[in-house]
Amino acid sequence: MNIRSLALLLLAAGCTGQSVLPPAAQAPRGAAALVAEMKAACGGAAWDRVQGWHETGTVDLPGRPGVPYEIWHDMRTLKTRMENRVAGRLVRQFGYYGTGYWQIAGGEAEFGSDAARLRRYRRDAYLSSSGWYFPARFPAAMEIAGTRIVDGKPHDVLRISPDDADSFELWVDRTTHRVRRIVAGSEYADLSDYRTFPSGVCSATTGRQGDGDPAHDIVLHVQTIETDAPIPAAVFVPPPHTVPVGQN
């Protein structure tokens, strides 16, 4: 899922429901072996056939539940486009195309290439594209960074640092080999309700994003995922009226 689309969020190390296993309980494992287990448990060879990523669903925002969203990912370049609608009206558009980003919201347009934001958006695009399944396409340093206990179950912590992007962690359930939590900076996203879509790809369909304050929680509900066709290049081109407004 777009846990992707959620822009992601992180959880402080002392949050309720998690703990660290003592070193003696942490079985040494290789990152490549863990990724292979994850892939086998959530679609396997279907990931090798993915051409593009087109996802629809709704997002529950504070005070505004059920806002429809639609998102597209170029699974070979990490380009991304997302749209939100309210009562059928387009209220927000966002795009990332590698060397820059753009957004239209509230009647205002923004275009930028700030280095720090580009690293963050590239991280989010890598997450959205499950880049760890495509190491030749999207190089990244990966390591097992210990074990966490969530809801009484051990989770391997896979720390990933994609080239030219911020790092993040995937907390992988040792029993199901599926991602239970994404940790990025000071924010987190908890994933659940995994489902296999017609293309054979498996994805979480519920993502709860937070920063430790329940009042800030955002919940994403995935409805459809299509991966059989490449996304047309025109989808990722900024609208003509999106003009630069400085390095924001």
C-alpha atoms as a PDB file:
ATOM      1  CA  MET A   1       0.000   0.000   0.000  1.00  0.00           C
ATOM      2  CA  ASN A   2       0.989   3.480  -0.044  1.00  0.00           C
ATOM      3  CA  ILE A   3       2.313   3.603   3.150  1.00  0.00           C
ATOM      4  CA  ARG A   4       3.559   4.732   0.998  1.00  0.00           C
ATOM      5  CA  SER A   5       1.005   7.321  -0.025  1.00  0.00           C
ATOM      6  CA  LEU A   6       0.812   8.330   3.559  1.00  0.00           C
ATOM      7  CA  ALA A   7       4.037  10.295   3.360  1.00  0.00           C
ATOM      8  CA  LEU A   8       4.969   8.082   6.277  1.00  0.00           C
ATOM      9  CA  LEU A   9       5.626   8.714   9.858  1.00  0.00           C
ATOM     10  CA  LEU A  10       7.713   7.698  12.753  1.00  0.00           C
ATOM     11  CA  LEU A  11       7.480   6.469  16.227  1.00  0.00           C
ATOM     12  CA  ALA A  12       9.718   7.397  19.122  1.00  0.00           C
ATOM     13  CA  ALA A  13      11.727   4.533  20.563  1.00  0.00           C
ATOM     14  CA  GLY A  14       9.833   4.530  23.841  1.00  0.00           C
ATOM     15  CA  CYS A  15       6.301   4.241  22.486  1.00  0.00           C
ATOM     16  CA  THR A  16       3.816   1.854  24.096  1.00  0.00           C
ATOM     17  CA  GLY A  17       3.645  -1.636  22.617  1.00  0.00           C
ATOM     18  CA  GLN A  18       7.290  -2.045  21.640  1.00  0.00           C
ATOM     19  CA  SER A  19      10.440  -3.184  23.358  1.00  0.00           C
ATOM     20  CA  VAL A  20      13.906  -4.335  22.443  1.00  0.00           C
ATOM     21  CA  LEU A  21      14.951  -7.941  22.814  1.00  0.00           C
ATOM     22  CA  PRO A  22      18.189  -8.497  24.736  1.00  0.00           C
ATOM     23  CA  PRO A  23      21.197  -9.216  22.493  1.00  0.00           C
ATOM     24  CA  ALA A  24      21.155 -12.951  23.331  1.00  0.00           C
ATOM     25  CA  ALA A  25      17.646 -13.245  21.885  1.00  0.00           C
ATOM     26  CA  GLN A  26      18.490 -11.502  18.630  1.00  0.00           C
ATOM     27  CA  ALA A  27      19.246 -14.179  16.058  1.00  0.00           C
ATOM     28  CA  PRO A  28      21.873 -12.965  13.562  1.00  0.00           C
ATOM     29  CA  ARG A  29      20.403 -12.808  10.043  1.00  0.00           C
ATOM     30  CA  GLY A  30      21.332 -11.328   6.711  1.00  0.00           C
ATOM     31  CA  ALA A  31      19.347  -8.506   5.122  1.00  0.00           C
ATOM     32  CA  ALA A  32      19.187 -10.260   1.737  1.00  0.00           C
ATOM     33  CA  ALA A  33      17.718 -13.405   3.319  1.00  0.00           C
ATOM     34  CA  LEU A  34      15.102 -11.356   5.145  1.00  0.00           C
ATOM     35  CA  VAL A  35      14.076  -9.508   1.969  1.00  0.00           C
ATOM     36  CA  ALA A  36      13.750 -12.847   0.155  1.00  0.00           C
ATOM     37  CA  GLU A  37      11.411 -14.080   2.901  1.00  0.00           C
ATOM     38  CA  MET A  38       9.367 -10.888   2.685  1.00  0.00           C
ATOM     39  CA  LYS A  39       9.008 -11.212  -1.082  1.00  0.00           C
ATOM     40  CA  ALA A  40       8.005 -14.881  -0.909  1.00  0.00           C
ATOM     41  CA  ALA A  41       5.367 -14.106   1.737  1.00  0.00           C
ATOM     42  CA  CYS A  42       3.730 -11.277  -0.203  1.00  0.00           C
ATOM     43  CA  GLY A  43       3.486 -12.057  -3.890  1.00  0.00           C
ATOM     44  CA  GLY A  44       6.766 -13.729  -4.767  1.00  0.00           C
ATOM     45  CA  ALA A  45       7.409 -13.762  -8.515  1.00  0.00           C
ATOM     46  CA  ALA A  46       4.450 -11.396  -9.085  1.00  0.00           C
ATOM     47  CA  TRP A  47       6.796  -8.563  -8.105  1.00  0.00           C
ATOM     48  CA  ASP A  48       9.018  -9.416 -11.078  1.00  0.00           C
ATOM     49  CA  ARG A  49       6.074  -8.737 -13.402  1.00  0.00           C
ATOM     50  CA  VAL A  50       5.105  -5.340 -11.952  1.00  0.00           C
ATOM     51  CA  GLN A  51       5.075  -2.669 -14.691  1.00  0.00           C
ATOM     52  CA  GLY A  52       3.596   0.295 -12.831  1.00  0.00           C
ATOM     53  CA  TRP A  53       1.612   1.059  -9.672  1.00  0.00           C
ATOM     54  CA  HIS A  54      -1.854   2.655  -9.773  1.00  0.00           C
ATOM     55  CA  GLU A  55      -3.665   2.762  -6.440  1.00  0.00           C
ATOM     56  CA  THR A  56      -6.963   4.196  -5.237  1.00  0.00           C
ATOM     57  CA  GLY A  57      -8.534   4.443  -1.815  1.00  0.00           C
ATOM     58  CA  THR A  58      -9.582   6.828   0.930  1.00  0.00           C
ATOM     59  CA  VAL A  59      -7.746   8.545   3.746  1.00  0.00           C
ATOM     60  CA  ASP A  60      -9.193   9.522   7.121  1.00  0.00           C
ATOM     61  CA  LEU A  61      -7.754  12.910   8.075  1.00  0.00           C
ATOM     62  CA  PRO A  62      -8.290  14.561  11.472  1.00  0.00           C
ATOM     63  CA  GLY A  63     -11.837  15.953  11.276  1.00  0.00           C
ATOM     64  CA  ARG A  64     -12.294  14.829   7.669  1.00  0.00           C
ATOM     65  CA  PRO A  65     -12.766  11.078   7.121  1.00  0.00           C
ATOM     66  CA  GLY A  66     -13.061   9.319   3.804  1.00  0.00           C
ATOM     67  CA  VAL A  67     -11.140  11.680   1.499  1.00  0.00           C
ATOM     68  CA  PRO A  68     -10.567   9.843  -1.825  1.00  0.00           C
ATOM     69  CA  TYR A  69      -7.030   9.601  -3.173  1.00  0.00           C
ATOM     70  CA  GLU A  70      -5.395   8.266  -6.310  1.00  0.00           C
ATOM     71  CA  ILE A  71      -1.682   7.651  -6.761  1.00  0.00           C
ATOM     72  CA  TRP A  72       0.626   6.556  -9.547  1.00  0.00           C
ATOM     73  CA  HIS A  73       4.225   5.276  -9.304  1.00  0.00           C
ATOM     74  CA  ASP A  74       6.731   4.721 -12.071  1.00  0.00           C
ATOM     75  CA  MET A  75       8.330   1.516 -10.819  1.00  0.00           C
ATOM     76  CA  ARG A  76      11.532   2.132 -12.784  1.00  0.00           C
ATOM     77  CA  THR A  77      12.303   5.782 -12.034  1.00  0.00           C
ATOM     78  CA  LEU A  78      10.519   6.415  -8.672  1.00  0.00           C
ATOM     79  CA  LYS A  79       8.450   9.210 -10.207  1.00  0.00           C
ATOM     80  CA  THR A  80       5.206   9.758  -8.283  1.00  0.00           C
ATOM     81  CA  ARG A  81       1.913  11.602  -8.628  1.00  0.00           C
ATOM     82  CA  MET A  82      -0.906  11.808  -6.066  1.00  0.00           C
ATOM     83  CA  GLU A  83      -4.334  13.464  -6.157  1.00  0.00           C
ATOM     84  CA  ASN A  84      -6.985  14.080  -3.491  1.00  0.00           C
ATOM     85  CA  ARG A  85     -10.621  14.884  -4.191  1.00  0.00           C
ATOM     86  CA  VAL A  86     -13.474  16.175  -2.009  1.00  0.00           C
ATOM     87  CA  ALA A  87     -17.038  15.811  -3.327  1.00  0.00           C
ATOM     88  CA  GLY A  88     -15.557  14.960  -6.704  1.00  0.00           C
ATOM     89  CA  ARG A  89     -13.495  18.156  -6.818  1.00  0.00           C
ATOM     90  CA  LEU A  90      -9.713  17.966  -7.166  1.00  0.00           C
ATOM     91  CA  VAL A  91      -8.297  19.722  -4.089  1.00  0.00           C
ATOM     92  CA  ARG A  92      -4.655  18.657  -4.046  1.00  0.00           C
ATOM     93  CA  GLN A  93      -2.063  17.369  -6.486  1.00  0.00           C
ATOM     94  CA  PHE A  94       1.521  16.387  -5.736  1.00  0.00           C
ATOM     95  CA  GLY A  95       4.319  15.123  -7.923  1.00  0.00           C
ATOM     96  CA  TYR A  96       7.922  14.011  -7.568  1.00  0.00           C
ATOM     97  CA  TYR A  97      10.070  13.437 -10.657  1.00  0.00           C
ATOM     98  CA  GLY A  98      13.600  12.859  -9.382  1.00  0.00           C
ATOM     99  CA  THR A  99      15.175  16.281  -9.741  1.00  0.00           C
ATOM    100  CA  GLY A 100      12.222  18.262  -8.417  1.00  0.00           C
ATOM    101  CA  TYR A 101       8.718  18.250  -6.958  1.00  0.00           C
ATOM    102  CA  TRP A 102       5.497  20.189  -7.371  1.00  0.00           C
ATOM    103  CA  GLN A 103       2.218  20.678  -5.556  1.00  0.00           C
ATOM    104  CA  ILE A 104      -1.082  22.433  -6.171  1.00  0.00           C
ATOM    105  CA  ALA A 105      -3.347  22.919  -3.152  1.00  0.00           C
ATOM    106  CA  GLY A 106      -5.667  25.626  -1.925  1.00  0.00           C
ATOM    107  CA  GLY A 107      -5.344  27.478  -5.204  1.00  0.00           C
ATOM    108  CA  GLU A 108      -1.580  27.849  -4.792  1.00  0.00           C
ATOM    109  CA  ALA A 109       1.119  26.204  -6.883  1.00  0.00           C
ATOM    110  CA  GLU A 110       4.579  25.245  -5.719  1.00  0.00           C
ATOM    111  CA  PHE A 111       7.612  23.919  -7.535  1.00  0.00           C
ATOM    112  CA  GLY A 112      10.922  23.181  -5.842  1.00  0.00           C
ATOM    113  CA  SER A 113      14.194  21.281  -5.732  1.00  0.00           C
ATOM    114  CA  ASP A 114      15.371  21.755  -2.152  1.00  0.00           C
ATOM    115  CA  ALA A 115      18.003  19.068  -1.489  1.00  0.00           C
ATOM    116  CA  ALA A 116      16.652  17.989   1.914  1.00  0.00           C
ATOM    117  CA  ARG A 117      13.087  17.647   0.639  1.00  0.00           C
ATOM    118  CA  LEU A 118      14.246  15.767  -2.445  1.00  0.00           C
ATOM    119  CA  ARG A 119      15.977  13.204  -0.202  1.00  0.00           C
ATOM    120  CA  ARG A 120      12.766  12.789   1.807  1.00  0.00           C
ATOM    121  CA  TYR A 121      10.549  12.504  -1.281  1.00  0.00           C
ATOM    122  CA  ARG A 122      12.939  10.010  -2.860  1.00  0.00           C
ATOM    123  CA  ARG A 123      12.773   7.948   0.342  1.00  0.00           C
ATOM    124  CA  ASP A 124       8.978   7.994   0.222  1.00  0.00           C
ATOM    125  CA  ALA A 125       8.984   7.065  -3.478  1.00  0.00           C
ATOM    126  CA  TYR A 126      11.354   4.164  -2.762  1.00  0.00           C
ATOM    127  CA  LEU A 127       8.994   3.011  -0.022  1.00  0.00           C
ATOM    128  CA  SER A 128       5.996   3.396  -2.314  1.00  0.00           C
ATOM    129  CA  SER A 129       7.702   1.275  -4.955  1.00  0.00           C
ATOM    130  CA  SER A 130       8.896  -1.405  -2.487  1.00  0.00           C
ATOM    131  CA  GLY A 131      12.365  -0.641  -3.793  1.00  0.00           C
ATOM    132  CA  TRP A 132      13.980  -3.318  -1.613  1.00  0.00           C
ATOM    133  CA  TYR A 133      12.640  -5.920  -4.066  1.00  0.00           C
ATOM    134  CA  PHE A 134      14.596  -4.244  -6.901  1.00  0.00           C
ATOM    135  CA  PRO A 135      18.178  -3.816  -5.613  1.00  0.00           C
ATOM    136  CA  ALA A 136      19.735  -3.558  -9.085  1.00  0.00           C
ATOM    137  CA  ARG A 137      17.242  -0.874 -10.090  1.00  0.00           C
ATOM    138  CA  PHE A 138      17.312   1.097  -6.820  1.00  0.00           C
ATOM    139  CA  PRO A 139      20.631   0.609  -4.978  1.00  0.00           C
ATOM    140  CA  ALA A 140      20.466   0.838  -1.188  1.00  0.00           C
ATOM    141  CA  ALA A 141      22.473  -0.181   1.871  1.00  0.00           C
ATOM    142  CA  MET A 142      20.542  -2.664   4.018  1.00  0.00           C
ATOM    143  CA  GLU A 143      21.235  -4.140   7.431  1.00  0.00           C
ATOM    144  CA  ILE A 144      19.472  -5.971  10.227  1.00  0.00           C
ATOM    145  CA  ALA A 145      19.384  -3.473  13.096  1.00  0.00           C
ATOM    146  CA  GLY A 146      18.135  -5.625  15.963  1.00  0.00           C
ATOM    147  CA  THR A 147      14.753  -6.934  17.012  1.00  0.00           C
ATOM    148  CA  ARG A 148      11.655  -5.225  18.396  1.00  0.00           C
ATOM    149  CA  ILE A 149       8.670  -6.650  20.199  1.00  0.00           C
ATOM    150  CA  VAL A 150       5.288  -5.357  18.996  1.00  0.00           C
ATOM    151  CA  ASP A 151       2.092  -6.734  20.523  1.00  0.00           C
ATOM    152  CA  GLY A 152       4.107  -9.529  22.078  1.00  0.00           C
ATOM    153  CA  LYS A 153       5.632 -10.703  18.782  1.00  0.00           C
ATOM    154  CA  PRO A 154       9.281 -10.408  17.667  1.00  0.00           C
ATOM    155  CA  HIS A 155       9.993  -8.253  14.624  1.00  0.00           C
ATOM    156  CA  ASP A 156      13.283  -7.986  12.752  1.00  0.00           C
ATOM    157  CA  VAL A 157      14.298  -4.377  12.116  1.00  0.00           C
ATOM    158  CA  LEU A 158      15.497  -3.906   8.533  1.00  0.00           C
ATOM    159  CA  ARG A 159      17.283  -0.567   8.165  1.00  0.00           C
ATOM    160  CA  ILE A 160      17.439   0.677   4.574  1.00  0.00           C
ATOM    161  CA  SER A 161      19.419   3.639   3.226  1.00  0.00           C
ATOM    162  CA  PRO A 162      18.591   4.156  -0.476  1.00  0.00           C
ATOM    163  CA  ASP A 163      21.100   6.062  -2.592  1.00  0.00           C
ATOM    164  CA  ASP A 164      20.444   9.840  -2.437  1.00  0.00           C
ATOM    165  CA  ALA A 165      17.566   9.402   0.018  1.00  0.00           C
ATOM    166  CA  ASP A 166      16.875   9.437   3.751  1.00  0.00           C
ATOM    167  CA  SER A 167      17.039   6.127   5.587  1.00  0.00           C
ATOM    168  CA  PHE A 168      14.135   4.325   7.264  1.00  0.00           C
ATOM    169  CA  GLU A 169      13.283   1.081   9.050  1.00  0.00           C
ATOM    170  CA  LEU A 170      10.905  -1.767   8.269  1.00  0.00           C
ATOM    171  CA  TRP A 171       9.775  -3.829  11.258  1.00  0.00           C
ATOM    172  CA  VAL A 172       9.109  -7.283   9.847  1.00  0.00           C
ATOM    173  CA  ASP A 173       6.995  -9.850  11.692  1.00  0.00           C
ATOM    174  CA  ARG A 174       9.114 -12.996  12.109  1.00  0.00           C
ATOM    175  CA  THR A 175       6.072 -15.237  11.752  1.00  0.00           C
ATOM    176  CA  THR A 176       4.353 -13.759   8.695  1.00  0.00           C
ATOM    177  CA  HIS A 177       7.450 -12.079   7.146  1.00  0.00           C
ATOM    178  CA  ARG A 178       5.271  -9.042   6.411  1.00  0.00           C
ATOM    179  CA  VAL A 179       5.997  -5.431   7.301  1.00  0.00           C
ATOM    180  CA  ARG A 180       4.170  -4.457  10.468  1.00  0.00           C
ATOM    181  CA  ARG A 181       5.613  -0.974  10.918  1.00  0.00           C
ATOM    182  CA  ILE A 182       7.558   1.622   8.966  1.00  0.00           C
ATOM    183  CA  VAL A 183       9.712   4.021  10.975  1.00  0.00           C
ATOM    184  CA  ALA A 184      11.042   7.139   9.256  1.00  0.00           C
ATOM    185  CA  GLY A 185      12.633   9.900  11.257  1.00  0.00           C
ATOM    186  CA  SER A 186      10.240  10.847  14.045  1.00  0.00           C
ATOM    187  CA  GLU A 187       7.138   9.362  12.435  1.00  0.00           C
ATOM    188  CA  TYR A 188       5.683   5.907  11.853  1.00  0.00           C
ATOM    189  CA  ALA A 189       3.085   3.970   9.898  1.00  0.00           C
ATOM    190  CA  ASP A 190       1.494   0.735  11.159  1.00  0.00           C
ATOM    191  CA  LEU A 191       0.334  -1.654   8.431  1.00  0.00           C
ATOM    192  CA  SER A 192      -2.368  -4.319   8.530  1.00  0.00           C
ATOM    193  CA  ASP A 193      -5.071  -6.127   6.550  1.00  0.00           C
ATOM    194  CA  TYR A 194      -2.817  -7.543   3.848  1.00  0.00           C
ATOM    195  CA  ARG A 195      -4.526  -8.663   0.669  1.00  0.00           C
ATOM    196  CA  THR A 196      -3.436 -10.215  -2.631  1.00  0.00           C
ATOM    197  CA  PHE A 197      -4.605  -8.180  -5.644  1.00  0.00           C
ATOM    198  CA  PRO A 198      -5.454  -9.570  -9.125  1.00  0.00           C
ATOM    199  CA  SER A 199      -1.884  -9.121 -10.399  1.00  0.00           C
ATOM    200  CA  GLY A 200      -0.642 -11.400  -7.608  1.00  0.00           C
ATOM    201  CA  VAL A 201       1.045  -8.630  -5.655  1.00  0.00           C
ATOM    202  CA  CYS A 202       0.314  -8.593  -1.930  1.00  0.00           C
ATOM    203  CA  SER A 203      -0.045  -5.299  -0.056  1.00  0.00           C
ATOM    204  CA  ALA A 204      -1.338  -3.939   3.219  1.00  0.00           C
ATOM    205  CA  THR A 205      -4.736  -2.274   2.796  1.00  0.00           C
ATOM    206  CA  THR A 206      -4.802  -0.330   6.066  1.00  0.00           C
ATOM    207  CA  GLY A 207      -2.088   2.065   7.192  1.00  0.00           C
ATOM    208  CA  ARG A 208      -2.221   4.139  10.358  1.00  0.00           C
ATOM    209  CA  GLN A 209       0.220   7.015  10.365  1.00  0.00           C
ATOM    210  CA  GLY A 210       1.122   8.892  13.527  1.00  0.00           C
ATOM    211  CA  ASP A 211       3.654  10.763  15.594  1.00  0.00           C
ATOM    212  CA  GLY A 212       2.652   9.561  19.075  1.00  0.00           C
ATOM    213  CA  ASP A 213      -0.328  11.928  19.427  1.00  0.00           C
ATOM    214  CA  PRO A 214      -3.645  10.167  18.586  1.00  0.00           C
ATOM    215  CA  ALA A 215      -5.116  13.512  17.545  1.00  0.00           C
ATOM    216  CA  HIS A 216      -2.699  13.554  14.610  1.00  0.00           C
ATOM    217  CA  ASP A 217      -3.430  10.022  13.361  1.00  0.00           C
ATOM    218  CA  ILE A 218      -4.149   9.545   9.655  1.00  0.00           C
ATOM    219  CA  VAL A 219      -5.581   6.247   8.380  1.00  0.00           C
ATOM    220  CA  LEU A 220      -5.244   5.078   4.798  1.00  0.00           C
ATOM    221  CA  HIS A 221      -7.657   2.521   3.297  1.00  0.00           C
ATOM    222  CA  VAL A 222      -6.532   0.943   0.013  1.00  0.00           C
ATOM    223  CA  GLN A 223      -9.311  -0.097  -2.356  1.00  0.00           C
ATOM    224  CA  THR A 224      -7.647  -1.010  -5.657  1.00  0.00           C
ATOM    225  CA  ILE A 225      -4.114  -1.686  -6.929  1.00  0.00           C
ATOM    226  CA  GLU A 226      -3.204  -2.220 -10.592  1.00  0.00           C
ATOM    227  CA  THR A 227       0.346  -3.193 -11.596  1.00  0.00           C
ATOM    228  CA  ASP A 228       0.031  -4.855 -15.028  1.00  0.00           C
ATOM    229  CA  ALA A 229       0.707  -1.807 -17.224  1.00  0.00           C
ATOM    230  CA  PRO A 230       3.393   0.896 -17.221  1.00  0.00           C
ATOM    231  CA  ILE A 231       2.209   4.347 -16.170  1.00  0.00           C
ATOM    232  CA  PRO A 232       2.257   6.786 -19.135  1.00  0.00           C
ATOM    233  CA  ALA A 233       5.058   9.332 -18.857  1.00  0.00           C
ATOM    234  CA  ALA A 234       2.550  12.188 -19.251  1.00  0.00           C
ATOM    235  CA  VAL A 235       1.075  11.352 -15.822  1.00  0.00           C
ATOM    236  CA  PHE A 236       4.235  12.623 -14.125  1.00  0.00           C
ATOM    237  CA  VAL A 237       4.570  15.892 -16.048  1.00  0.00           C
ATOM    238  CA  PRO A 238       3.709  18.946 -13.866  1.00  0.00           C
ATOM    239  CA  PRO A 239       0.576  20.818 -14.980  1.00  0.00           C
ATOM    240  CA  PRO A 240       1.356  23.789 -17.267  1.00  0.00           C
ATOM    241  CA  HIS A 241       0.214  26.336 -14.675  1.00  0.00           C
ATOM    242  CA  THR A 242       2.629  24.995 -12.032  1.00  0.00           C
ATOM    243  CA  VAL A 243       5.294  27.674 -11.898  1.00  0.00           C
ATOM    244  CA  PRO A 244       8.446  27.981  -9.768  1.00  0.00           C
ATOM    245  CA  VAL A 245       8.007  29.901  -6.516  1.00  0.00           C
ATOM    246  CA  GLY A 246      11.537  29.492  -5.177  1.00  0.00           C
ATOM    247  CA  GLN A 247      13.352  26.639  -3.508  1.00  0.00           C
ATOM    248  CA  ASN A 248      10.581  25.583  -1.105  1.00  0.00           C
END
